[in-house]
């Protein structure tokens, strides 16, 4: 990750902004002390409730359920508070 000082950023912000737009990340330093991260903006992706409900209501395939069940059988549960 690149670093850039406050002074250097004041002198030429355009170059740094261009670099961030194409994926670069910077640590902003103030008198040599890391102060902030400057990273490309990524918009949050939202899924509406009905789409999420439809996606989550699909049952898992039986192969996955069997694998999960076998995995649980292979593990021996123990009480973490009991010293051995």
N, C-alpha and C. Protein backbone atom coordinates (compact mmCIF):
# COMPACT_ATOMS: atom_id res chain seq x y z
N UNK A 1 0.85 -1.17 0.00
CA UNK A 1 0.00 0.00 0.00
C UNK A 1 0.90 1.24 0.00
N UNK A 2 0.57 2.18 -0.83
CA UNK A 2 1.35 3.41 -0.93
C UNK A 2 1.03 4.34 0.23
N UNK A 3 1.96 5.23 0.55
CA UNK A 3 1.69 6.26 1.55
C UNK A 3 1.78 7.62 0.87
N UNK A 4 1.05 8.57 1.42
CA UNK A 4 1.09 9.94 0.91
C UNK A 4 0.94 10.88 2.10
N UNK A 5 1.76 11.90 2.13
CA UNK A 5 1.69 12.86 3.24
C UNK A 5 0.61 13.90 2.95
N UNK A 6 0.16 14.56 4.00
CA UNK A 6 -0.84 15.62 3.84
C UNK A 6 -0.28 16.71 2.92
N UNK A 7 0.97 17.08 3.12
CA UNK A 7 1.58 18.13 2.28
C UNK A 7 1.62 17.74 0.82
N UNK A 8 2.03 16.52 0.54
CA UNK A 8 2.09 16.07 -0.85
C UNK A 8 0.69 15.98 -1.45
N UNK A 9 -0.27 15.56 -0.67
CA UNK A 9 -1.65 15.49 -1.15
C UNK A 9 -2.17 16.88 -1.49
N UNK A 10 -1.84 17.88 -0.68
CA UNK A 10 -2.26 19.26 -0.96
C UNK A 10 -1.67 19.77 -2.26
N UNK A 11 -0.43 19.40 -2.55
CA UNK A 11 0.24 19.89 -3.75
C UNK A 11 -0.36 19.31 -5.03
N UNK A 12 -0.74 18.02 -5.02
CA UNK A 12 -1.23 17.41 -6.24
C UNK A 12 -2.27 16.33 -5.93
N UNK A 13 -3.48 16.73 -5.56
CA UNK A 13 -4.49 15.73 -5.23
C UNK A 13 -4.99 14.97 -6.47
N UNK A 14 -4.92 15.57 -7.64
CA UNK A 14 -5.47 14.98 -8.85
C UNK A 14 -4.82 13.64 -9.17
N UNK A 15 -3.51 13.54 -9.06
CA UNK A 15 -2.82 12.31 -9.39
C UNK A 15 -3.22 11.18 -8.44
N UNK A 16 -3.28 11.48 -7.15
CA UNK A 16 -3.67 10.46 -6.18
C UNK A 16 -5.11 10.02 -6.42
N UNK A 17 -6.00 10.94 -6.67
CA UNK A 17 -7.40 10.60 -6.93
C UNK A 17 -7.51 9.71 -8.17
N UNK A 18 -6.76 10.02 -9.20
CA UNK A 18 -6.77 9.18 -10.41
C UNK A 18 -6.30 7.77 -10.07
N UNK A 19 -5.22 7.66 -9.30
CA UNK A 19 -4.69 6.35 -8.92
C UNK A 19 -5.71 5.54 -8.10
N UNK A 20 -6.41 6.22 -7.21
CA UNK A 20 -7.42 5.54 -6.39
C UNK A 20 -8.57 5.06 -7.27
N UNK A 21 -8.96 5.85 -8.24
CA UNK A 21 -10.03 5.45 -9.15
C UNK A 21 -9.72 4.15 -9.88
N UNK A 22 -8.45 3.92 -10.17
CA UNK A 22 -8.07 2.70 -10.89
C UNK A 22 -7.64 1.57 -9.94
N UNK A 23 -7.85 1.75 -8.63
CA UNK A 23 -7.65 0.67 -7.70
C UNK A 23 -6.56 0.82 -6.66
N UNK A 24 -5.77 1.89 -6.70
CA UNK A 24 -4.69 2.06 -5.72
C UNK A 24 -5.27 2.38 -4.34
N UNK A 25 -4.53 2.01 -3.31
CA UNK A 25 -4.90 2.35 -1.94
C UNK A 25 -3.74 3.11 -1.32
N UNK A 26 -4.06 4.09 -0.50
CA UNK A 26 -3.04 4.93 0.13
C UNK A 26 -3.27 4.99 1.63
N UNK A 27 -2.17 5.17 2.35
CA UNK A 27 -2.24 5.53 3.76
C UNK A 27 -1.83 6.99 3.83
N UNK A 28 -2.71 7.82 4.37
CA UNK A 28 -2.43 9.25 4.52
C UNK A 28 -1.67 9.45 5.82
N UNK A 29 -0.52 10.13 5.74
CA UNK A 29 0.28 10.38 6.94
C UNK A 29 0.28 11.87 7.27
N UNK A 30 0.27 12.17 8.54
CA UNK A 30 0.35 13.54 9.03
C UNK A 30 1.56 13.61 9.94
N UNK A 31 2.60 14.29 9.49
CA UNK A 31 3.88 14.37 10.21
C UNK A 31 4.46 12.98 10.47
N UNK A 32 4.30 12.10 9.48
CA UNK A 32 4.85 10.76 9.56
C UNK A 32 3.99 9.74 10.28
N UNK A 33 2.86 10.18 10.82
CA UNK A 33 1.98 9.29 11.57
C UNK A 33 0.82 8.86 10.67
N UNK A 34 0.61 7.56 10.47
CA UNK A 34 -0.53 7.10 9.67
C UNK A 34 -1.83 7.62 10.27
N UNK A 35 -2.65 8.25 9.43
CA UNK A 35 -3.86 8.90 9.91
C UNK A 35 -5.14 8.33 9.30
N UNK A 36 -5.07 7.97 8.02
CA UNK A 36 -6.27 7.49 7.35
C UNK A 36 -5.90 6.59 6.18
N UNK A 37 -6.86 5.78 5.77
CA UNK A 37 -6.71 5.00 4.54
C UNK A 37 -7.58 5.62 3.48
N UNK A 38 -7.05 5.73 2.28
CA UNK A 38 -7.82 6.22 1.15
C UNK A 38 -7.92 5.06 0.17
N UNK A 39 -9.14 4.58 -0.03
CA UNK A 39 -9.38 3.40 -0.85
C UNK A 39 -10.47 3.69 -1.88
N UNK A 40 -10.54 2.92 -2.95
CA UNK A 40 -11.60 3.12 -3.93
C UNK A 40 -12.98 2.94 -3.28
N UNK A 41 -13.90 3.73 -3.73
CA UNK A 41 -15.28 3.65 -3.24
C UNK A 41 -15.96 2.43 -3.85
N UNK A 42 -16.63 1.65 -3.01
CA UNK A 42 -17.42 0.52 -3.49
C UNK A 42 -18.83 0.71 -2.95
N UNK A 43 -19.78 0.84 -3.86
CA UNK A 43 -21.17 1.04 -3.44
C UNK A 43 -21.69 -0.22 -2.76
N UNK A 44 -22.48 -0.04 -1.73
CA UNK A 44 -23.09 -1.17 -1.05
C UNK A 44 -24.15 -1.78 -1.94
N UNK A 45 -24.22 -3.10 -1.91
CA UNK A 45 -25.24 -3.78 -2.70
C UNK A 45 -26.34 -4.25 -1.76
N UNK A 46 -27.54 -3.85 -2.04
CA UNK A 46 -28.66 -4.23 -1.20
C UNK A 46 -29.54 -5.20 -1.98
N UNK A 47 -30.10 -6.14 -1.26
CA UNK A 47 -31.05 -7.08 -1.84
C UNK A 47 -32.37 -6.82 -1.14
N UNK A 48 -33.43 -6.70 -1.95
CA UNK A 48 -34.71 -6.43 -1.30
C UNK A 48 -35.18 -7.68 -0.54
N UNK A 49 -36.07 -7.49 0.40
CA UNK A 49 -36.48 -8.56 1.32
C UNK A 49 -37.09 -9.75 0.60
N UNK A 50 -37.90 -9.52 -0.40
CA UNK A 50 -38.55 -10.65 -1.08
C UNK A 50 -37.53 -11.50 -1.83
N UNK A 51 -36.52 -10.87 -2.44
CA UNK A 51 -35.47 -11.64 -3.12
C UNK A 51 -34.66 -12.46 -2.13
N UNK A 52 -34.32 -11.86 -0.98
CA UNK A 52 -33.56 -12.57 0.04
C UNK A 52 -34.37 -13.74 0.60
N UNK A 53 -35.65 -13.51 0.84
CA UNK A 53 -36.52 -14.56 1.37
C UNK A 53 -36.59 -15.72 0.38
N UNK A 54 -36.73 -15.42 -0.91
CA UNK A 54 -36.80 -16.47 -1.92
C UNK A 54 -35.50 -17.26 -1.98
N UNK A 55 -34.39 -16.57 -1.90
CA UNK A 55 -33.10 -17.24 -1.95
C UNK A 55 -32.87 -18.13 -0.73
N UNK A 56 -33.24 -17.64 0.45
CA UNK A 56 -32.99 -18.38 1.68
C UNK A 56 -34.02 -19.48 1.95
N UNK A 57 -35.12 -19.48 1.23
CA UNK A 57 -36.14 -20.49 1.46
C UNK A 57 -35.88 -21.77 0.67
N UNK A 58 -34.90 -21.76 -0.22
CA UNK A 58 -34.57 -22.96 -0.99
C UNK A 58 -33.81 -23.92 -0.08
N UNK A 59 -34.31 -25.15 0.07
CA UNK A 59 -33.62 -26.08 0.97
C UNK A 59 -32.27 -26.52 0.39
N UNK A 60 -31.39 -26.86 1.28
CA UNK A 60 -30.07 -27.34 0.85
C UNK A 60 -30.21 -28.72 0.24
N UNK A 61 -29.31 -29.04 -0.66
CA UNK A 61 -29.32 -30.36 -1.28
C UNK A 61 -29.03 -31.45 -0.26
N UNK A 62 -29.53 -32.64 -0.49
CA UNK A 62 -29.38 -33.73 0.48
C UNK A 62 -27.92 -34.12 0.66
N UNK A 63 -27.09 -34.00 -0.39
CA UNK A 63 -25.67 -34.35 -0.26
C UNK A 63 -25.00 -33.44 0.77
N UNK A 64 -25.35 -32.16 0.75
CA UNK A 64 -24.76 -31.22 1.70
C UNK A 64 -25.22 -31.52 3.12
N UNK A 65 -26.48 -31.87 3.27
CA UNK A 65 -27.02 -32.19 4.59
C UNK A 65 -26.34 -33.44 5.13
N UNK A 66 -26.14 -34.45 4.28
CA UNK A 66 -25.46 -35.67 4.71
C UNK A 66 -24.02 -35.39 5.12
N UNK A 67 -23.33 -34.56 4.36
CA UNK A 67 -21.95 -34.21 4.68
C UNK A 67 -21.87 -33.49 6.03
N UNK A 68 -22.78 -32.57 6.26
CA UNK A 68 -22.82 -31.85 7.54
C UNK A 68 -23.08 -32.81 8.70
N UNK A 69 -24.02 -33.74 8.50
CA UNK A 69 -24.35 -34.71 9.55
C UNK A 69 -23.14 -35.59 9.86
N UNK A 70 -22.43 -36.08 8.84
CA UNK A 70 -21.25 -36.92 9.04
C UNK A 70 -20.15 -36.13 9.76
N UNK A 71 -19.99 -34.87 9.40
CA UNK A 71 -18.99 -34.04 10.04
C UNK A 71 -19.29 -33.88 11.54
N UNK A 72 -20.54 -33.70 11.86
CA UNK A 72 -20.92 -33.55 13.27
C UNK A 72 -20.72 -34.84 14.04
N UNK A 73 -20.98 -35.99 13.41
CA UNK A 73 -20.78 -37.28 14.07
C UNK A 73 -19.30 -37.54 14.35
N UNK A 74 -18.43 -37.03 13.49
CA UNK A 74 -16.99 -37.26 13.63
C UNK A 74 -16.37 -36.43 14.75
N UNK A 75 -17.07 -35.42 15.20
CA UNK A 75 -16.53 -34.56 16.25
C UNK A 75 -17.06 -35.01 17.61
N UNK A 76 -16.19 -34.99 18.59
CA UNK A 76 -16.60 -35.33 19.95
C UNK A 76 -16.75 -34.04 20.74
N UNK A 77 -17.97 -33.70 21.09
CA UNK A 77 -18.16 -32.47 21.86
C UNK A 77 -17.57 -32.61 23.25
N UNK A 78 -17.02 -31.53 23.78
CA UNK A 78 -16.48 -31.55 25.13
C UNK A 78 -16.83 -30.25 25.82
N UNK A 79 -16.86 -30.32 27.12
CA UNK A 79 -17.14 -29.16 27.94
C UNK A 79 -15.86 -28.31 28.04
N UNK A 80 -15.89 -27.08 27.56
CA UNK A 80 -14.67 -26.27 27.60
C UNK A 80 -14.26 -25.86 29.01
N UNK A 81 -15.15 -26.01 29.99
CA UNK A 81 -14.85 -25.59 31.36
C UNK A 81 -14.23 -26.72 32.19
N UNK A 82 -14.26 -27.93 31.66
CA UNK A 82 -13.68 -29.05 32.37
C UNK A 82 -12.22 -29.18 31.96
N UNK A 83 -11.33 -29.15 32.95
CA UNK A 83 -9.89 -29.29 32.64
C UNK A 83 -9.56 -30.76 32.53
N UNK A 84 -8.70 -31.05 31.56
CA UNK A 84 -8.31 -32.45 31.35
C UNK A 84 -6.86 -32.63 31.63
